[in-house]
């Protein structure tokens, strides 16, 4: 019976851990009629962040004055121990490889982000300048076609709703925009683990190269040294 309870507890813990790791979380942002709304998203639930709900003003509570702490007497300074300088974590030779690793990491992280919702509705005003509104409409549609194809390759877009048009009776352009981005902790950890392993490989190669260069310099100095007087041959007259 005790073993069964232990297995049940372990299963519950693993289930909770899996939910934490694989539950998608992110943010939703919307714009319509000049107002912006922002919400944090966890699974299918959203917590509104902007605009913030109005709260009643509460009277400020008087703060109690805390008694002043007694000043401590300065003790005798302890002698500092000499520390050996540690080798730098990143050397100049590692920078090109680290730059390439950073690019790969950003690309990998970008592919892990999911665009759950992409909403773009634009109605261009054509009352004042119908010809200009039609030209703007054509240019924006062409740009959306190019950018939409690039975004589809760069991100995992699940749902998109893009519509543009011209309202010849409107005096001002109307726009409605919205986006929801999500990612899970498991995906973030996967990207971080890949970046960490890449850094360790670069660091290991740099350390091996530095040791090989130091060994080569030491052997060269030993070859140049005079066995009788210890004077390098290059300094002989």
Protein backbone atom coordinates (compact mmCIF):
# COMPACT_ATOMS: atom_id res chain seq x y z
CA UNK A 1 0.00 0.00 0.00
CA UNK A 2 2.85 2.37 0.87
CA UNK A 3 4.54 1.70 -2.50
CA UNK A 4 1.29 2.42 -4.33
CA UNK A 5 0.94 5.78 -2.56
CA UNK A 6 4.54 6.61 -3.46
CA UNK A 7 3.94 5.82 -7.14
CA UNK A 8 0.78 7.95 -7.13
CA UNK A 9 2.65 10.90 -5.59
CA UNK A 10 5.45 10.50 -8.15
CA UNK A 11 2.94 10.40 -11.00
CA UNK A 12 1.20 13.54 -9.75
CA UNK A 13 4.54 15.36 -9.44
CA UNK A 14 5.56 14.34 -12.98
CA UNK A 15 2.17 15.42 -14.33
CA UNK A 16 2.46 18.83 -12.67
CA UNK A 17 6.02 19.21 -13.99
CA UNK A 18 4.91 18.30 -17.51
CA UNK A 19 2.07 20.82 -17.34
CA UNK A 20 4.49 23.54 -16.23
CA UNK A 21 7.02 22.72 -18.95
CA UNK A 22 4.68 22.26 -21.89
CA UNK A 23 1.87 24.74 -21.13
CA UNK A 24 2.14 27.60 -23.65
CA UNK A 25 2.29 31.13 -22.28
CA UNK A 26 2.71 34.47 -23.95
CA UNK A 27 1.08 37.77 -24.69
CA UNK A 28 -1.83 39.20 -26.71
CA UNK A 29 -1.86 42.74 -28.06
CA UNK A 30 -4.71 44.53 -29.88
CA UNK A 31 -5.29 47.94 -31.39
CA UNK A 32 -8.65 49.32 -32.51
CA UNK A 33 -10.14 52.83 -32.73
CA UNK A 34 -7.05 54.43 -31.19
CA UNK A 35 -7.03 52.24 -28.08
CA UNK A 36 -4.46 49.59 -27.17
CA UNK A 37 -5.08 46.50 -25.06
CA UNK A 38 -2.50 44.08 -23.71
CA UNK A 39 -3.04 40.76 -21.96
CA UNK A 40 -0.87 37.97 -20.59
CA UNK A 41 -1.88 34.55 -21.90
CA UNK A 42 -1.52 31.14 -20.19
CA UNK A 43 -2.88 28.18 -22.16
CA UNK A 44 -6.33 29.47 -23.28
CA UNK A 45 -6.78 32.02 -20.49
CA UNK A 46 -5.91 35.71 -20.64
CA UNK A 47 -5.15 38.21 -17.88
CA UNK A 48 -5.75 41.81 -18.94
CA UNK A 49 -2.81 44.12 -18.33
CA UNK A 50 -3.84 47.20 -20.33
CA UNK A 51 -6.00 49.16 -19.93
CA UNK A 52 -5.82 48.68 -16.19
CA UNK A 53 -9.09 48.50 -14.29
CA UNK A 54 -9.85 51.60 -12.23
CA UNK A 55 -9.49 51.16 -8.51
CA UNK A 56 -10.88 53.27 -5.70
CA UNK A 57 -8.42 55.58 -4.01
CA UNK A 58 -7.42 54.36 -0.62
CA UNK A 59 -6.34 56.68 2.12
CA UNK A 60 -2.67 56.65 2.76
CA UNK A 61 -1.81 54.87 5.95
CA UNK A 62 0.53 56.59 8.32
CA UNK A 63 3.83 54.82 8.48
CA UNK A 64 5.17 53.99 11.89
CA UNK A 65 8.61 55.30 12.53
CA UNK A 66 11.05 52.54 13.23
CA UNK A 67 13.55 53.04 16.01
CA UNK A 68 16.94 54.00 14.75
CA UNK A 69 19.42 51.17 14.72
CA UNK A 70 22.55 51.54 16.77
CA UNK A 71 25.62 52.16 14.73
CA UNK A 72 28.05 49.30 14.78
CA UNK A 73 31.58 50.01 15.79
CA UNK A 74 33.98 49.59 12.89
CA UNK A 75 36.03 46.47 13.37
CA UNK A 76 39.64 46.05 12.44
CA UNK A 77 40.09 45.54 8.69
CA UNK A 78 40.99 41.98 7.79
CA UNK A 79 44.00 41.51 5.54
CA UNK A 80 42.90 40.58 2.05
CA UNK A 81 44.29 37.41 0.59
CA UNK A 82 46.02 37.63 -2.73
CA UNK A 83 43.89 36.01 -5.39
CA UNK A 84 45.33 34.49 -8.51
CA UNK A 85 43.93 36.09 -11.67
CA UNK A 86 41.41 33.81 -13.33
CA UNK A 87 41.61 33.23 -17.07
CA UNK A 88 38.98 35.20 -19.03
CA UNK A 89 35.77 33.36 -19.84
CA UNK A 90 35.69 34.80 -23.36
CA UNK A 91 38.79 35.52 -25.40
CA UNK A 92 39.18 37.60 -28.53
CA UNK A 93 39.62 34.49 -30.66
CA UNK A 94 36.20 33.18 -29.55
CA UNK A 95 34.23 36.26 -30.68
CA UNK A 96 33.62 35.23 -34.36
CA UNK A 97 32.35 31.78 -33.35
CA UNK A 98 30.24 33.26 -30.54
CA UNK A 99 28.66 35.70 -33.01
CA UNK A 100 27.68 32.81 -35.28
CA UNK A 101 26.33 30.90 -32.26
CA UNK A 102 24.23 33.93 -31.25
CA UNK A 103 22.75 34.11 -34.75
CA UNK A 104 21.86 30.41 -34.72
CA UNK A 105 20.34 30.74 -31.24
CA UNK A 106 18.13 33.67 -32.24
CA UNK A 107 16.99 31.82 -35.35
CA UNK A 108 16.20 28.71 -33.31
CA UNK A 109 14.31 30.76 -30.70
CA UNK A 110 12.33 32.52 -33.42
CA UNK A 111 11.15 29.18 -34.82
CA UNK A 112 10.02 28.09 -31.34
CA UNK A 113 7.60 31.03 -31.04
CA UNK A 114 4.03 30.32 -32.15
CA UNK A 115 1.84 33.03 -33.65
CA UNK A 116 -1.57 31.82 -32.53
CA UNK A 117 -3.43 34.79 -34.00
CA UNK A 118 -2.54 37.49 -36.48
CA UNK A 119 -5.23 40.06 -37.27
CA UNK A 120 -4.81 42.96 -39.70
CA UNK A 121 -7.88 44.84 -40.93
CA UNK A 122 -7.31 48.18 -42.66
CA UNK A 123 -9.85 50.35 -44.46
CA UNK A 124 -8.25 53.28 -46.28
CA UNK A 125 -10.19 56.55 -46.39
CA UNK A 126 -11.08 57.56 -49.94
CA UNK A 127 -13.48 60.46 -49.45
CA UNK A 128 -10.87 63.21 -49.87
CA UNK A 129 -8.53 61.52 -52.40
CA UNK A 130 -9.98 58.37 -54.00
CA UNK A 131 -7.08 57.95 -56.42
CA UNK A 132 -4.47 58.21 -53.67
CA UNK A 133 -6.40 55.78 -51.49
CA UNK A 134 -6.50 53.19 -54.29
CA UNK A 135 -2.75 53.58 -54.92
CA UNK A 136 -2.01 53.20 -51.20
CA UNK A 137 -4.27 50.15 -51.07
CA UNK A 138 -2.34 48.50 -53.93
CA UNK A 139 1.07 49.25 -52.39
CA UNK A 140 0.05 47.93 -48.99
CA UNK A 141 -1.41 44.75 -50.49
CA UNK A 142 1.81 44.13 -52.39
CA UNK A 143 3.87 44.67 -49.21
CA UNK A 144 1.61 42.35 -47.22
CA UNK A 145 2.08 39.65 -49.84
CA UNK A 146 5.86 39.82 -49.55
CA UNK A 147 5.98 40.19 -45.77
CA UNK A 148 3.33 37.51 -45.24
CA UNK A 149 5.36 34.92 -47.15
CA UNK A 150 8.51 35.83 -45.17
CA UNK A 151 6.65 35.69 -41.84
CA UNK A 152 5.20 32.30 -42.73
CA UNK A 153 8.71 30.93 -43.24
CA UNK A 154 10.15 32.63 -40.16
CA UNK A 155 7.40 31.88 -37.64
CA UNK A 156 4.89 29.16 -36.92
CA UNK A 157 1.68 31.03 -37.81
CA UNK A 158 -1.44 29.06 -36.86
CA UNK A 159 -4.16 31.54 -37.78
CA UNK A 160 -4.05 34.77 -39.75
CA UNK A 161 -6.79 37.15 -40.83
CA UNK A 162 -5.54 39.91 -43.15
CA UNK A 163 -7.97 42.12 -45.01
CA UNK A 164 -7.57 45.54 -46.62
CA UNK A 165 -9.99 47.74 -48.52
CA UNK A 166 -10.95 51.27 -49.50
CA UNK A 167 -13.89 53.13 -47.95
CA UNK A 168 -14.77 55.96 -50.34
CA UNK A 169 -17.20 57.47 -47.81
CA UNK A 170 -14.74 57.63 -44.89
CA UNK A 171 -12.66 60.70 -44.03
CA UNK A 172 -10.09 58.79 -41.95
CA UNK A 173 -8.40 55.43 -42.26
CA UNK A 174 -9.54 52.76 -39.83
CA UNK A 175 -7.28 49.96 -38.60
CA UNK A 176 -7.79 46.94 -36.38
CA UNK A 177 -4.65 45.01 -35.41
CA UNK A 178 -4.07 42.04 -33.14
CA UNK A 179 -1.44 39.41 -32.41
CA UNK A 180 -1.00 36.56 -29.93
CA UNK A 181 2.46 35.04 -29.35
CA UNK A 182 3.09 31.96 -27.21
CA UNK A 183 5.98 29.72 -26.23
CA UNK A 184 6.53 27.03 -23.60
CA UNK A 185 9.21 26.68 -20.93
CA UNK A 186 10.31 23.38 -22.50
CA UNK A 187 11.06 25.13 -25.79
CA UNK A 188 12.99 27.90 -24.02
CA UNK A 189 15.04 25.29 -22.14
CA UNK A 190 15.76 23.44 -25.39
CA UNK A 191 17.11 26.61 -27.00
CA UNK A 192 19.15 27.48 -23.88
CA UNK A 193 20.60 23.94 -23.71
CA UNK A 194 21.66 24.06 -27.36
CA UNK A 195 23.27 27.47 -26.83
CA UNK A 196 25.07 26.25 -23.69
CA UNK A 197 26.46 23.17 -25.43
CA UNK A 198 27.60 25.32 -28.34
CA UNK A 199 29.40 27.70 -25.98
CA UNK A 200 31.13 24.81 -24.18
CA UNK A 201 32.38 23.41 -27.49
CA UNK A 202 33.75 26.80 -28.52
CA UNK A 203 35.39 27.28 -25.10
CA UNK A 204 36.96 23.81 -25.22
CA UNK A 205 38.43 24.42 -28.67
CA UNK A 206 39.77 27.82 -27.59
CA UNK A 207 41.39 26.33 -24.46
CA UNK A 208 43.03 23.55 -26.50
CA UNK A 209 44.36 26.09 -29.00
CA UNK A 210 45.72 28.29 -26.18
CA UNK A 211 47.46 25.32 -24.49
CA UNK A 212 48.94 24.20 -27.81
CA UNK A 213 50.25 27.72 -28.49
CA UNK A 214 51.76 27.98 -24.99
CA UNK A 215 53.42 24.57 -25.36
CA UNK A 216 54.82 25.57 -28.75
CA UNK A 217 56.28 28.79 -27.33
CA UNK A 218 57.85 26.88 -24.43
CA UNK A 219 59.47 24.34 -26.77
CA UNK A 220 60.76 27.12 -28.99
CA UNK A 221 62.31 28.91 -26.02
CA UNK A 222 64.01 25.68 -24.94
CA UNK A 223 65.41 25.11 -28.44
CA UNK A 224 66.74 28.68 -28.64
CA UNK A 225 68.36 28.53 -25.18
CA UNK A 226 72.13 27.92 -24.99
CA UNK A 227 72.75 24.72 -22.98
CA UNK A 228 76.01 26.20 -21.53
CA UNK A 229 74.98 29.67 -20.43
CA UNK A 230 71.25 29.74 -21.00
CA UNK A 231 71.56 32.61 -23.50
CA UNK A 232 69.37 32.40 -26.62
CA UNK A 233 71.32 31.81 -29.83
CA UNK A 234 69.70 34.88 -31.39
CA UNK A 235 71.55 37.10 -28.84
CA UNK A 236 75.04 35.74 -29.62
CA UNK A 237 77.32 38.26 -31.30
